[in-house]
Structure formats: structure tokens, C-alpha cells
Amino acid sequence: MPSDAELDALQAQIDKAAKDVTDRSNQDEATENAENAKNAAPDLSEAEQQTARIEQLEAELAAAKDHTLRAMAETENIKKRSEREVRASSVYAVERFAADMLSVSDNLSRALSTIDEKARGAIGDNAKSLLDGLELTEKDLIAVFSRHGIKPVPGQGSKFDPNVHQAVAQIPSDEIKGDVAQVMQTGFTLGERTLRAAMVAVSTGPAKA
């Protein structure tokens, strides 16, 4: 039968062996955890790289969209500016044409206004044909003006409008006070613009008895 000393020595060996096994187990577990962590690290890094790449692509896409929208807006602005310039050029050309032709219209109108009905009845056939030609020319000229957007300003009996009328006198008349009583020179508009204001006399109302 073993003595107490031998039993104590045997127990010590068993305890040491158990401790060695536990230590090796803990060491193996730590090593395995380290290996797992080492193997997982590249996966985590790759995921982070993918996320960063996606964020970069999203930023590039947003920048491309912004650039496209700016380019489209600039294209639209250029188109509108070009259209305005074309319209302005067209209006300017018409204004120059009208300025040259208004004096012709004035001369025709003045010439025809000097011939009253009595004079018309007294002139011969040749003169009457000439007069008819002048009247037809005036009508054609007014038609040309109209095709280009040039229209005469409202005349006698219309309400005085400082935007299209230039008052040069005030006279008593049967027209309502403040309305146009007489036109000295016909005015013209081009679209919404006044090409030439009409020179008019403004009514002060009926003459006092």
C-alpha cells in the first residue's frame, strides 16, 4: 500500500498534467482565435474597400448629374438668348424699314387730303386715274405696314393715351373732353412698341355759347 508521501507525489503529478493540458488548450484556443481574426481581417478590409468604392461612384454620379443639369440649363439659356437676338434683329430691321417709309405714307396722305369731293368731280379722267392710283398706293402701303406688325395709332374720337399720342394743342370740339379731337400726324405702333407717337389736338369739350 503506497505511503502518504507517495500518494501526495502522485497527486502532484496528476495536477501538473491537468494544468499542462489546460494551458495547451487555452494556448490552442488563443492561437485559433488569432488565426480566425487574421483570416477575417482581409474580408473586413475588402468590404470596407467595396463600400468606399460605392460611395466614390455615387459621388461621381451625383457630380455627373449636376454637370449635365448645368449644361442643359446653359444650352436652354443660349437658345433663348439666340431667339431674343433674332427677334430683336428682326424688329430693328422692320423699324428701319418703317422709318424710311413713314415719310412716304405722310406725303401720300397729305396729297390726298388736299383733294376734296368738289375737286374730285372737277378733274378730268386722266387726273382721276392718277388720283385712284395714289389712293391704291396708299392702301397697299398700309397693307405692307400691317403685314410687318405696323399699325396706325387710334385717331379722332379715341381716348388720349400719352403712350401713343403727343398733344400739341387743346381745342373745343364735340368729342368728349380729354379725347382726341384732331390728328395732325398719324402715329404708328410696332407690336407693343410705339414707333411714332401721333401728333394730336385734345378736346376741351363743346365750345361755350
C-alpha atoms as a PDB file:
ATOM      1  CA  MET A   1       0.000   0.000   0.000  1.00  0.00           C
ATOM      2  CA  PRO A   2       1.518   3.398  -1.033  1.00  0.00           C
ATOM      3  CA  SER A   3       2.512   5.703   1.714  1.00  0.00           C
ATOM      4  CA  ASP A   4       1.033   9.137   2.169  1.00  0.00           C
ATOM      5  CA  ALA A   5       4.134  10.715   0.662  1.00  0.00           C
ATOM      6  CA  GLU A   6       3.814   8.618  -2.472  1.00  0.00           C
ATOM      7  CA  LEU A   7       0.130   9.486  -2.779  1.00  0.00           C
ATOM      8  CA  ASP A   8       0.919  13.192  -2.443  1.00  0.00           C
ATOM      9  CA  ALA A   9       3.605  12.926  -5.114  1.00  0.00           C
ATOM     10  CA  LEU A  10       1.218  11.104  -7.465  1.00  0.00           C
ATOM     11  CA  GLN A  11      -1.486  13.733  -6.921  1.00  0.00           C
ATOM     12  CA  ALA A  12       1.023  16.453  -7.681  1.00  0.00           C
ATOM     13  CA  GLN A  13       1.902  14.777 -10.982  1.00  0.00           C
ATOM     14  CA  ILE A  14      -1.785  14.446 -11.895  1.00  0.00           C
ATOM     15  CA  ASP A  15      -2.416  18.121 -11.079  1.00  0.00           C
ATOM     16  CA  LYS A  16       0.602  19.168 -13.156  1.00  0.00           C
ATOM     17  CA  ALA A  17      -0.534  17.048 -16.086  1.00  0.00           C
ATOM     18  CA  ALA A  18      -4.037  18.510 -15.877  1.00  0.00           C
ATOM     19  CA  LYS A  19      -2.599  22.043 -15.752  1.00  0.00           C
ATOM     20  CA  ASP A  20      -0.419  21.353 -18.783  1.00  0.00           C
ATOM     21  CA  VAL A  21      -3.440  20.092 -20.703  1.00  0.00           C
ATOM     22  CA  THR A  22      -5.466  23.174 -19.707  1.00  0.00           C
ATOM     23  CA  ASP A  23      -2.623  25.526 -20.631  1.00  0.00           C
ATOM     24  CA  ARG A  24      -2.170  23.832 -24.021  1.00  0.00           C
ATOM     25  CA  SER A  25      -5.924  24.004 -24.609  1.00  0.00           C
ATOM     26  CA  ASN A  26      -6.019  27.700 -23.765  1.00  0.00           C
ATOM     27  CA  GLN A  27      -2.979  28.324 -25.955  1.00  0.00           C
ATOM     28  CA  ASP A  28      -4.503  26.391 -28.858  1.00  0.00           C
ATOM     29  CA  GLU A  29      -7.767  28.332 -28.485  1.00  0.00           C
ATOM     30  CA  ALA A  30      -5.911  31.639 -28.419  1.00  0.00           C
ATOM     31  CA  THR A  31      -3.914  30.601 -31.485  1.00  0.00           C
ATOM     32  CA  GLU A  32      -7.100  29.554 -33.300  1.00  0.00           C
ATOM     33  CA  ASN A  33      -8.800  32.834 -32.411  1.00  0.00           C
ATOM     34  CA  ALA A  34      -5.782  34.731 -33.667  1.00  0.00           C
ATOM     35  CA  GLU A  35      -5.820  32.763 -36.921  1.00  0.00           C
ATOM     36  CA  ASN A  36      -9.546  33.350 -37.335  1.00  0.00           C
ATOM     37  CA  ALA A  37      -9.077  37.049 -36.702  1.00  0.00           C
ATOM     38  CA  LYS A  38      -6.194  37.109 -39.166  1.00  0.00           C
ATOM     39  CA  ASN A  39      -8.262  35.341 -41.806  1.00  0.00           C
ATOM     40  CA  ALA A  40     -11.286  37.604 -41.186  1.00  0.00           C
ATOM     41  CA  ALA A  41      -9.257  40.798 -41.447  1.00  0.00           C
ATOM     42  CA  PRO A  42      -8.861  40.669 -45.233  1.00  0.00           C
ATOM     43  CA  ASP A  43     -12.619  40.072 -45.621  1.00  0.00           C
ATOM     44  CA  LEU A  44     -13.427  43.107 -43.492  1.00  0.00           C
ATOM     45  CA  SER A  45     -10.887  45.238 -45.374  1.00  0.00           C
ATOM     46  CA  GLU A  46     -12.319  44.153 -48.728  1.00  0.00           C
ATOM     47  CA  ALA A  47     -15.849  45.027 -47.559  1.00  0.00           C
ATOM     48  CA  GLU A  48     -14.660  48.436 -46.477  1.00  0.00           C
ATOM     49  CA  GLN A  49     -12.999  48.927 -49.860  1.00  0.00           C
ATOM     50  CA  GLN A  50     -16.213  47.980 -51.643  1.00  0.00           C
ATOM     51  CA  THR A  51     -18.181  50.433 -49.505  1.00  0.00           C
ATOM     52  CA  ALA A  52     -15.674  53.189 -50.219  1.00  0.00           C
ATOM     53  CA  ARG A  53     -15.798  52.400 -53.943  1.00  0.00           C
ATOM     54  CA  ILE A  54     -19.603  52.538 -53.945  1.00  0.00           C
ATOM     55  CA  GLU A  55     -19.526  55.884 -52.146  1.00  0.00           C
ATOM     56  CA  GLN A  56     -16.994  57.179 -54.682  1.00  0.00           C
ATOM     57  CA  LEU A  57     -19.150  56.038 -57.604  1.00  0.00           C
ATOM     58  CA  GLU A  58     -22.225  57.646 -56.049  1.00  0.00           C
ATOM     59  CA  ALA A  59     -20.310  60.922 -55.664  1.00  0.00           C
ATOM     60  CA  GLU A  60     -19.114  60.738 -59.280  1.00  0.00           C
ATOM     61  CA  LEU A  61     -22.663  60.008 -60.450  1.00  0.00           C
ATOM     62  CA  ALA A  62     -24.025  62.981 -58.491  1.00  0.00           C
ATOM     63  CA  ALA A  63     -21.321  65.214 -59.980  1.00  0.00           C
ATOM     64  CA  ALA A  64     -22.128  63.953 -63.487  1.00  0.00           C
ATOM     65  CA  LYS A  65     -25.840  64.631 -62.968  1.00  0.00           C
ATOM     66  CA  ASP A  66     -25.084  68.140 -61.698  1.00  0.00           C
ATOM     67  CA  HIS A  67     -22.812  68.804 -64.683  1.00  0.00           C
ATOM     68  CA  THR A  68     -25.482  67.527 -67.063  1.00  0.00           C
ATOM     69  CA  LEU A  69     -28.183  69.715 -65.499  1.00  0.00           C
ATOM     70  CA  ARG A  70     -25.914  72.758 -65.676  1.00  0.00           C
ATOM     71  CA  ALA A  71     -25.092  72.024 -69.309  1.00  0.00           C
ATOM     72  CA  MET A  72     -28.788  71.627 -70.155  1.00  0.00           C
ATOM     73  CA  ALA A  73     -29.619  74.900 -68.380  1.00  0.00           C
ATOM     74  CA  GLU A  74     -26.821  76.708 -70.209  1.00  0.00           C
ATOM     75  CA  THR A  75     -27.991  75.268 -73.535  1.00  0.00           C
ATOM     76  CA  GLU A  76     -31.538  76.472 -72.843  1.00  0.00           C
ATOM     77  CA  ASN A  77     -30.234  79.936 -71.904  1.00  0.00           C
ATOM     78  CA  ILE A  78     -28.199  80.123 -75.110  1.00  0.00           C
ATOM     79  CA  LYS A  79     -31.253  79.057 -77.124  1.00  0.00           C
ATOM     80  CA  LYS A  80     -33.462  81.701 -75.502  1.00  0.00           C
ATOM     81  CA  ARG A  81     -30.780  84.363 -75.900  1.00  0.00           C
ATOM     82  CA  SER A  82     -30.395  83.486 -79.574  1.00  0.00           C
ATOM     83  CA  GLU A  83     -34.159  83.660 -80.087  1.00  0.00           C
ATOM     84  CA  ARG A  84     -34.280  87.089 -78.405  1.00  0.00           C
ATOM     85  CA  GLU A  85     -31.414  88.317 -80.558  1.00  0.00           C
ATOM     86  CA  VAL A  86     -33.126  87.068 -83.714  1.00  0.00           C
ATOM     87  CA  ARG A  87     -36.391  88.772 -82.719  1.00  0.00           C
ATOM     88  CA  ALA A  88     -34.565  91.973 -81.798  1.00  0.00           C
ATOM     89  CA  SER A  89     -32.719  91.913 -85.113  1.00  0.00           C
ATOM     90  CA  SER A  90     -35.985  91.400 -86.978  1.00  0.00           C
ATOM     91  CA  VAL A  91     -37.703  94.223 -85.083  1.00  0.00           C
ATOM     92  CA  TYR A  92     -34.746  96.529 -85.694  1.00  0.00           C
ATOM     93  CA  ALA A  93     -34.851  95.787 -89.428  1.00  0.00           C
ATOM     94  CA  VAL A  94     -38.595  96.491 -89.523  1.00  0.00           C
ATOM     95  CA  GLU A  95     -38.104  99.730 -87.588  1.00  0.00           C
ATOM     96  CA  ARG A  96     -35.519 100.918 -90.082  1.00  0.00           C
ATOM     97  CA  PHE A  97     -37.804  99.989 -92.960  1.00  0.00           C
ATOM     98  CA  ALA A  98     -40.764 101.732 -91.332  1.00  0.00           C
ATOM     99  CA  ALA A  99     -38.774 104.864 -90.540  1.00  0.00           C
ATOM    100  CA  ASP A 100     -37.881 105.155 -94.212  1.00  0.00           C
ATOM    101  CA  MET A 101     -41.457 104.553 -95.358  1.00  0.00           C
ATOM    102  CA  LEU A 102     -43.397 106.682 -92.864  1.00  0.00           C
ATOM    103  CA  SER A 103     -42.457 109.863 -94.675  1.00  0.00           C
ATOM    104  CA  VAL A 104     -43.763 108.335 -97.919  1.00  0.00           C
ATOM    105  CA  SER A 105     -47.034 107.496 -96.192  1.00  0.00           C
ATOM    106  CA  ASP A 106     -47.251 111.026 -94.767  1.00  0.00           C
ATOM    107  CA  ASN A 107     -46.709 112.609 -98.171  1.00  0.00           C
ATOM    108  CA  LEU A 108     -49.353 110.418 -99.797  1.00  0.00           C
ATOM    109  CA  SER A 109     -51.838 111.153 -97.035  1.00  0.00           C
ATOM    110  CA  ARG A 110     -51.252 114.908 -97.226  1.00  0.00           C
ATOM    111  CA  ALA A 111     -51.531 114.913-101.012  1.00  0.00           C
ATOM    112  CA  LEU A 112     -54.823 113.013-100.967  1.00  0.00           C
ATOM    113  CA  SER A 113     -56.279 115.117 -98.150  1.00  0.00           C
ATOM    114  CA  THR A 114     -55.937 118.290-100.230  1.00  0.00           C
ATOM    115  CA  ILE A 115     -58.389 116.974-102.819  1.00  0.00           C
ATOM    116  CA  ASP A 116     -61.957 117.298-101.585  1.00  0.00           C
ATOM    117  CA  GLU A 117     -65.075 115.847-103.186  1.00  0.00           C
ATOM    118  CA  LYS A 118     -65.735 119.018-105.170  1.00  0.00           C
ATOM    119  CA  ALA A 119     -62.270 118.926-106.675  1.00  0.00           C
ATOM    120  CA  ARG A 120     -62.652 115.254-107.493  1.00  0.00           C
ATOM    121  CA  GLY A 121     -65.760 115.999-109.550  1.00  0.00           C
ATOM    122  CA  ALA A 122     -63.995 118.716-111.497  1.00  0.00           C
ATOM    123  CA  ILE A 123     -60.877 116.834-112.558  1.00  0.00           C
ATOM    124  CA  GLY A 124     -60.562 115.029-115.865  1.00  0.00           C
ATOM    125  CA  ASP A 125     -60.317 111.327-116.487  1.00  0.00           C
ATOM    126  CA  ASN A 126     -56.528 111.306-116.640  1.00  0.00           C
ATOM    127  CA  ALA A 127     -56.205 113.148-113.343  1.00  0.00           C
ATOM    128  CA  LYS A 128     -58.840 110.917-111.793  1.00  0.00           C
ATOM    129  CA  SER A 129     -56.892 107.821-112.849  1.00  0.00           C
ATOM    130  CA  LEU A 130     -53.784 109.306-111.263  1.00  0.00           C
ATOM    131  CA  LEU A 131     -55.720 110.036-108.078  1.00  0.00           C
ATOM    132  CA  ASP A 132     -57.083 106.491-107.992  1.00  0.00           C
ATOM    133  CA  GLY A 133     -53.536 105.201-108.389  1.00  0.00           C
ATOM    134  CA  LEU A 134     -52.352 107.286-105.444  1.00  0.00           C
ATOM    135  CA  GLU A 135     -55.187 106.011-103.262  1.00  0.00           C
ATOM    136  CA  LEU A 136     -54.400 102.428-104.241  1.00  0.00           C
ATOM    137  CA  THR A 137     -50.731 103.000-103.458  1.00  0.00           C
ATOM    138  CA  GLU A 138     -51.625 104.333-100.019  1.00  0.00           C
ATOM    139  CA  LYS A 139     -53.811 101.285 -99.319  1.00  0.00           C
ATOM    140  CA  ASP A 140     -51.033  98.946-100.466  1.00  0.00           C
ATOM    141  CA  LEU A 141     -48.543 100.740 -98.244  1.00  0.00           C
ATOM    142  CA  ILE A 142     -50.825 100.431 -95.212  1.00  0.00           C
ATOM    143  CA  ALA A 143     -51.236  96.715 -96.035  1.00  0.00           C
ATOM    144  CA  VAL A 144     -47.452  96.299 -96.143  1.00  0.00           C
ATOM    145  CA  PHE A 145     -47.185  98.024 -92.768  1.00  0.00           C
ATOM    146  CA  SER A 146     -49.830  95.706 -91.344  1.00  0.00           C
ATOM    147  CA  ARG A 147     -48.027  92.587 -92.574  1.00  0.00           C
ATOM    148  CA  HIS A 148     -44.946  93.717 -90.687  1.00  0.00           C
ATOM    149  CA  GLY A 149     -46.902  94.416 -87.498  1.00  0.00           C
ATOM    150  CA  ILE A 150     -47.020  98.185 -88.014  1.00  0.00           C
ATOM    151  CA  LYS A 151     -50.419  99.631 -87.176  1.00  0.00           C
ATOM    152  CA  PRO A 152     -51.750 103.203 -87.057  1.00  0.00           C
ATOM    153  CA  VAL A 153     -52.428 104.699 -83.644  1.00  0.00           C
ATOM    154  CA  PRO A 154     -56.154 105.267 -82.876  1.00  0.00           C
ATOM    155  CA  GLY A 155     -57.121 108.725 -84.081  1.00  0.00           C
ATOM    156  CA  GLN A 156     -60.021 111.144 -83.709  1.00  0.00           C
ATOM    157  CA  GLY A 157     -62.580 110.150 -81.094  1.00  0.00           C
ATOM    158  CA  SER A 158     -60.229 107.791 -79.259  1.00  0.00           C
ATOM    159  CA  LYS A 159     -59.233 108.310 -75.653  1.00  0.00           C
ATOM    160  CA  PHE A 160     -55.996 110.247 -75.301  1.00  0.00           C
ATOM    161  CA  ASP A 161     -53.141 107.894 -74.425  1.00  0.00           C
ATOM    162  CA  PRO A 162     -49.793 109.503 -73.577  1.00  0.00           C
ATOM    163  CA  ASN A 163     -48.064 106.289 -74.630  1.00  0.00           C
ATOM    164  CA  VAL A 164     -49.109 106.707 -78.270  1.00  0.00           C
ATOM    165  CA  HIS A 165     -50.354 110.310 -78.520  1.00  0.00           C
ATOM    166  CA  GLN A 166     -48.453 113.576 -78.367  1.00  0.00           C
ATOM    167  CA  ALA A 167     -50.712 116.511 -77.525  1.00  0.00           C
ATOM    168  CA  VAL A 168     -49.767 119.649 -79.441  1.00  0.00           C
ATOM    169  CA  ALA A 169     -52.952 121.623 -78.806  1.00  0.00           C
ATOM    170  CA  GLN A 170     -56.256 121.741 -76.952  1.00  0.00           C
ATOM    171  CA  ILE A 171     -59.354 122.731 -78.867  1.00  0.00           C
ATOM    172  CA  PRO A 172     -63.103 122.801 -78.229  1.00  0.00           C
ATOM    173  CA  SER A 173     -64.947 120.070 -80.108  1.00  0.00           C
ATOM    174  CA  ASP A 174     -67.897 117.735 -79.979  1.00  0.00           C
ATOM    175  CA  GLU A 175     -65.576 114.991 -78.772  1.00  0.00           C
ATOM    176  CA  ILE A 176     -65.575 114.114 -75.080  1.00  0.00           C
ATOM    177  CA  LYS A 177     -63.256 116.265 -73.019  1.00  0.00           C
ATOM    178  CA  GLY A 178     -59.836 114.621 -72.913  1.00  0.00           C
ATOM    179  CA  ASP A 179     -60.376 112.600 -76.097  1.00  0.00           C
ATOM    180  CA  VAL A 180     -58.544 113.139 -79.377  1.00  0.00           C
ATOM    181  CA  ALA A 181     -60.292 115.903 -81.316  1.00  0.00           C
ATOM    182  CA  GLN A 182     -57.975 116.129 -84.320  1.00  0.00           C
ATOM    183  CA  VAL A 183     -54.952 114.297 -85.731  1.00  0.00           C
ATOM    184  CA  MET A 184     -52.151 116.386 -87.215  1.00  0.00           C
ATOM    185  CA  GLN A 185     -49.840 113.467 -87.926  1.00  0.00           C
ATOM    186  CA  THR A 186     -50.718 109.790 -87.811  1.00  0.00           C
ATOM    187  CA  GLY A 187     -48.791 107.697 -85.307  1.00  0.00           C
ATOM    188  CA  PHE A 188     -47.788 104.049 -85.629  1.00  0.00           C
ATOM    189  CA  THR A 189     -47.046 101.160 -83.295  1.00  0.00           C
ATOM    190  CA  LEU A 190     -44.885  98.107 -83.895  1.00  0.00           C
ATOM    191  CA  GLY A 191     -46.173  95.289 -81.745  1.00  0.00           C
ATOM    192  CA  GLU A 192     -46.349  96.718 -78.246  1.00  0.00           C
ATOM    193  CA  ARG A 193     -43.824  99.460 -79.005  1.00  0.00           C
ATOM    194  CA  THR A 194     -44.631 102.967 -80.175  1.00  0.00           C
ATOM    195  CA  LEU A 195     -42.885 103.502 -83.473  1.00  0.00           C
ATOM    196  CA  ARG A 196     -44.050 107.103 -83.727  1.00  0.00           C
ATOM    197  CA  ALA A 197     -46.485 108.952 -81.479  1.00  0.00           C
ATOM    198  CA  ALA A 198     -49.456 110.583 -83.175  1.00  0.00           C
ATOM    199  CA  MET A 199     -49.495 114.383 -83.028  1.00  0.00           C
ATOM    200  CA  VAL A 200     -52.994 115.336 -81.891  1.00  0.00           C
ATOM    201  CA  ALA A 201     -55.200 118.081 -80.545  1.00  0.00           C
ATOM    202  CA  VAL A 202     -57.077 117.160 -77.381  1.00  0.00           C
ATOM    203  CA  SER A 203     -60.724 118.087 -76.925  1.00  0.00           C
ATOM    204  CA  THR A 204     -61.691 120.526 -74.192  1.00  0.00           C
ATOM    205  CA  GLY A 205     -65.342 119.693 -74.753  1.00  0.00           C
ATOM    206  CA  PRO A 206     -68.039 121.591 -76.675  1.00  0.00           C
ATOM    207  CA  ALA A 207     -67.433 125.291 -77.196  1.00  0.00           C
ATOM    208  CA  LYS A 208     -69.281 127.540 -74.761  1.00  0.00           C
ATOM    209  CA  ALA A 209     -72.100 129.545 -76.283  1.00  0.00           C
END
